[in-house]
């Protein structure tokens, strides 16, 4: 993973995109503080899926169906 400043990223964007297309992940900084990440789309999809699964599991721990079945809830929604 590489790190580049915002000015350099603006100046050399085509080169950075070539690096990213080869699988590299690049962090863009502004005054030394990370502000953005360039990464291939496949990595983004995987990260998003992993995050969604974690959120669903967290939700399920806090919310219970109180004895209702999924079928009962579907039928109730049809009324």
N, C-alpha and C. Protein backbone atom coordinates (compact mmCIF):
# COMPACT_ATOMS: atom_id res chain seq x y z
N UNK A 1 0.85 -1.17 0.00
CA UNK A 1 0.00 0.00 0.00
C UNK A 1 0.89 1.23 0.00
N UNK A 2 0.56 2.18 -0.88
CA UNK A 2 1.32 3.40 -0.96
C UNK A 2 0.55 4.58 -0.40
N UNK A 3 1.28 5.64 -0.13
CA UNK A 3 0.68 6.87 0.36
C UNK A 3 1.20 8.02 -0.47
N UNK A 4 0.29 8.90 -0.91
CA UNK A 4 0.68 10.07 -1.68
C UNK A 4 -0.09 11.28 -1.18
N UNK A 5 0.50 12.44 -1.34
CA UNK A 5 -0.16 13.68 -0.97
C UNK A 5 -1.22 14.05 -2.00
N UNK A 6 -2.15 14.91 -1.60
CA UNK A 6 -3.25 15.31 -2.48
C UNK A 6 -2.74 15.98 -3.75
N UNK A 7 -1.74 16.85 -3.63
CA UNK A 7 -1.22 17.54 -4.81
C UNK A 7 -0.61 16.54 -5.79
N UNK A 8 0.18 15.61 -5.26
CA UNK A 8 0.79 14.59 -6.12
C UNK A 8 -0.29 13.71 -6.76
N UNK A 9 -1.33 13.39 -6.00
CA UNK A 9 -2.42 12.57 -6.54
C UNK A 9 -3.09 13.28 -7.70
N UNK A 10 -3.31 14.58 -7.53
CA UNK A 10 -3.95 15.36 -8.59
C UNK A 10 -3.06 15.41 -9.83
N UNK A 11 -1.79 15.60 -9.60
CA UNK A 11 -0.84 15.74 -10.70
C UNK A 11 -0.60 14.43 -11.44
N UNK A 12 -0.60 13.31 -10.71
CA UNK A 12 -0.23 12.02 -11.30
C UNK A 12 -1.38 11.01 -11.26
N UNK A 13 -2.61 11.47 -11.34
CA UNK A 13 -3.76 10.56 -11.23
C UNK A 13 -3.71 9.41 -12.23
N UNK A 14 -3.41 9.62 -13.50
CA UNK A 14 -3.37 8.47 -14.43
C UNK A 14 -2.39 7.37 -13.99
N UNK A 15 -1.22 7.77 -13.49
CA UNK A 15 -0.24 6.79 -13.02
C UNK A 15 -0.77 6.04 -11.79
N UNK A 16 -1.42 6.78 -10.91
CA UNK A 16 -1.96 6.14 -9.71
C UNK A 16 -3.07 5.15 -10.08
N UNK A 17 -3.89 5.52 -11.04
CA UNK A 17 -4.96 4.60 -11.48
C UNK A 17 -4.38 3.34 -12.11
N UNK A 18 -3.28 3.46 -12.82
CA UNK A 18 -2.62 2.27 -13.38
C UNK A 18 -2.15 1.36 -12.25
N UNK A 19 -1.58 1.94 -11.21
CA UNK A 19 -1.11 1.14 -10.07
C UNK A 19 -2.29 0.45 -9.38
N UNK A 20 -3.38 1.17 -9.22
CA UNK A 20 -4.56 0.61 -8.58
C UNK A 20 -5.14 -0.52 -9.42
N UNK A 21 -5.16 -0.34 -10.73
CA UNK A 21 -5.70 -1.39 -11.60
C UNK A 21 -4.89 -2.68 -11.52
N UNK A 22 -3.66 -2.58 -11.05
CA UNK A 22 -2.81 -3.77 -10.87
C UNK A 22 -2.96 -4.37 -9.47
N UNK A 23 -3.90 -3.80 -8.67
CA UNK A 23 -4.17 -4.38 -7.36
C UNK A 23 -3.64 -3.60 -6.18
N UNK A 24 -2.95 -2.51 -6.41
CA UNK A 24 -2.37 -1.75 -5.31
C UNK A 24 -3.44 -0.87 -4.65
N UNK A 25 -3.30 -0.66 -3.39
CA UNK A 25 -4.18 0.22 -2.62
C UNK A 25 -3.37 1.46 -2.24
N UNK A 26 -3.89 2.66 -2.54
CA UNK A 26 -3.15 3.90 -2.32
C UNK A 26 -3.96 4.83 -1.43
N UNK A 27 -3.33 5.32 -0.37
CA UNK A 27 -3.96 6.29 0.53
C UNK A 27 -3.54 7.69 0.12
N UNK A 28 -4.50 8.58 0.01
CA UNK A 28 -4.22 9.98 -0.33
C UNK A 28 -4.32 10.79 0.95
N UNK A 29 -3.30 11.61 1.19
CA UNK A 29 -3.26 12.41 2.40
C UNK A 29 -3.33 13.90 2.08
N UNK A 30 -3.78 14.65 3.05
CA UNK A 30 -3.78 16.11 2.94
C UNK A 30 -3.13 16.62 4.22
N UNK A 31 -1.98 17.25 4.06
CA UNK A 31 -1.19 17.70 5.20
C UNK A 31 -0.86 16.55 6.14
N UNK A 32 -0.59 15.38 5.56
CA UNK A 32 -0.20 14.21 6.33
C UNK A 32 -1.34 13.40 6.93
N UNK A 33 -2.57 13.86 6.75
CA UNK A 33 -3.73 13.17 7.31
C UNK A 33 -4.45 12.41 6.18
N UNK A 34 -4.69 11.10 6.34
CA UNK A 34 -5.40 10.34 5.31
C UNK A 34 -6.80 10.90 5.07
N UNK A 35 -7.14 11.11 3.79
CA UNK A 35 -8.46 11.64 3.44
C UNK A 35 -9.21 10.76 2.45
N UNK A 36 -8.50 9.88 1.75
CA UNK A 36 -9.15 9.02 0.76
C UNK A 36 -8.29 7.80 0.49
N UNK A 37 -8.93 6.77 -0.05
CA UNK A 37 -8.22 5.55 -0.43
C UNK A 37 -8.64 5.17 -1.84
N UNK A 38 -7.64 4.92 -2.68
CA UNK A 38 -7.88 4.38 -4.03
C UNK A 38 -7.60 2.89 -3.96
N UNK A 39 -8.59 2.08 -4.36
CA UNK A 39 -8.38 0.64 -4.36
C UNK A 39 -9.23 0.01 -5.45
N UNK A 40 -8.85 -1.17 -5.90
CA UNK A 40 -9.63 -1.85 -6.95
C UNK A 40 -11.05 -2.12 -6.48
N UNK A 41 -12.02 -2.10 -7.39
CA UNK A 41 -13.42 -2.30 -7.02
C UNK A 41 -13.71 -3.63 -6.33
N UNK A 42 -13.04 -4.69 -6.70
CA UNK A 42 -13.30 -6.00 -6.08
C UNK A 42 -13.06 -5.95 -4.57
N UNK A 43 -12.05 -5.23 -4.14
CA UNK A 43 -11.76 -5.10 -2.72
C UNK A 43 -12.87 -4.33 -2.02
N UNK A 44 -13.43 -3.36 -2.67
CA UNK A 44 -14.50 -2.57 -2.08
C UNK A 44 -15.73 -3.45 -1.86
N UNK A 45 -16.11 -4.24 -2.87
CA UNK A 45 -17.27 -5.10 -2.75
C UNK A 45 -17.10 -6.08 -1.61
N UNK A 46 -15.94 -6.67 -1.48
CA UNK A 46 -15.69 -7.63 -0.41
C UNK A 46 -15.78 -6.94 0.94
N UNK A 47 -15.20 -5.76 1.06
CA UNK A 47 -15.26 -5.03 2.31
C UNK A 47 -16.70 -4.68 2.66
N UNK A 48 -17.47 -4.26 1.67
CA UNK A 48 -18.86 -3.90 1.92
C UNK A 48 -19.66 -5.12 2.37
N UNK A 49 -19.47 -6.25 1.73
CA UNK A 49 -20.20 -7.46 2.10
C UNK A 49 -19.86 -7.88 3.52
N UNK A 50 -18.60 -7.84 3.87
CA UNK A 50 -18.16 -8.21 5.21
C UNK A 50 -18.76 -7.27 6.25
N UNK A 51 -18.80 -5.98 5.94
CA UNK A 51 -19.37 -5.00 6.85
C UNK A 51 -20.87 -5.22 7.04
N UNK A 52 -21.58 -5.50 5.96
CA UNK A 52 -23.02 -5.73 6.03
C UNK A 52 -23.32 -6.97 6.88
N UNK A 53 -22.57 -8.03 6.68
CA UNK A 53 -22.77 -9.25 7.47
C UNK A 53 -22.55 -8.97 8.95
N UNK A 54 -21.52 -8.22 9.27
CA UNK A 54 -21.25 -7.87 10.67
C UNK A 54 -22.39 -7.05 11.26
N UNK A 55 -22.94 -6.12 10.49
CA UNK A 55 -24.05 -5.30 10.97
C UNK A 55 -25.30 -6.14 11.19
N UNK A 56 -25.56 -7.09 10.30
CA UNK A 56 -26.73 -7.98 10.46
C UNK A 56 -26.58 -8.81 11.72
N UNK A 57 -25.41 -9.36 11.96
CA UNK A 57 -25.19 -10.16 13.17
C UNK A 57 -25.38 -9.32 14.43
N UNK A 58 -24.88 -8.10 14.42
CA UNK A 58 -25.03 -7.20 15.56
C UNK A 58 -26.51 -6.89 15.79
N UNK A 59 -27.26 -6.64 14.73
CA UNK A 59 -28.69 -6.36 14.82
C UNK A 59 -29.43 -7.56 15.41
N UNK A 60 -29.10 -8.76 14.94
CA UNK A 60 -29.78 -9.96 15.41
C UNK A 60 -29.56 -10.22 16.89
N UNK A 61 -28.41 -9.83 17.43
CA UNK A 61 -28.14 -10.01 18.85
C UNK A 61 -29.03 -9.11 19.70
N UNK A 62 -29.37 -7.94 19.18
CA UNK A 62 -30.16 -6.97 19.95
C UNK A 62 -31.67 -7.14 19.77
N UNK A 63 -32.10 -7.76 18.67
CA UNK A 63 -33.52 -7.85 18.36
C UNK A 63 -33.95 -9.32 18.25
N UNK A 64 -34.95 -9.66 19.03
CA UNK A 64 -35.47 -11.03 19.03
C UNK A 64 -36.87 -11.04 18.45
N UNK A 65 -37.30 -12.18 17.91
CA UNK A 65 -38.62 -12.31 17.30
C UNK A 65 -39.71 -12.64 18.31
N UNK A 66 -39.34 -12.86 19.54
CA UNK A 66 -40.31 -13.13 20.62
C UNK A 66 -41.25 -14.27 20.27
N UNK A 67 -40.72 -15.35 19.72
CA UNK A 67 -41.51 -16.53 19.44
C UNK A 67 -42.23 -16.53 18.10
N UNK A 68 -42.20 -15.44 17.37
CA UNK A 68 -42.84 -15.40 16.05
C UNK A 68 -41.98 -16.12 15.02
N UNK A 69 -42.65 -16.77 14.09
CA UNK A 69 -41.91 -17.39 13.00
C UNK A 69 -41.94 -16.44 11.81
N UNK A 70 -41.05 -16.65 10.89
CA UNK A 70 -41.01 -15.83 9.68
C UNK A 70 -42.32 -15.97 8.90
N UNK A 71 -42.86 -17.18 8.85
CA UNK A 71 -44.11 -17.41 8.13
C UNK A 71 -45.24 -16.61 8.76
N UNK A 72 -45.32 -16.58 10.10
CA UNK A 72 -46.36 -15.81 10.78
C UNK A 72 -46.24 -14.31 10.48
N UNK A 73 -45.03 -13.82 10.43
CA UNK A 73 -44.83 -12.40 10.15
C UNK A 73 -45.24 -12.08 8.71
N UNK A 74 -44.95 -12.97 7.79
CA UNK A 74 -45.35 -12.76 6.38
C UNK A 74 -46.87 -12.73 6.28
N UNK A 75 -47.52 -13.69 6.92
CA UNK A 75 -48.98 -13.75 6.89
C UNK A 75 -49.58 -12.49 7.52
N UNK A 76 -49.02 -12.03 8.61
CA UNK A 76 -49.51 -10.81 9.26
C UNK A 76 -49.38 -9.61 8.33
N UNK A 77 -48.32 -9.54 7.57
CA UNK A 77 -48.11 -8.44 6.64
C UNK A 77 -49.07 -8.45 5.47
N UNK A 78 -49.66 -9.60 5.18
CA UNK A 78 -50.60 -9.73 4.05
C UNK A 78 -52.01 -9.28 4.43
N UNK A 79 -52.26 -9.09 5.69
CA UNK A 79 -53.63 -8.69 6.12
C UNK A 79 -53.88 -7.23 5.90
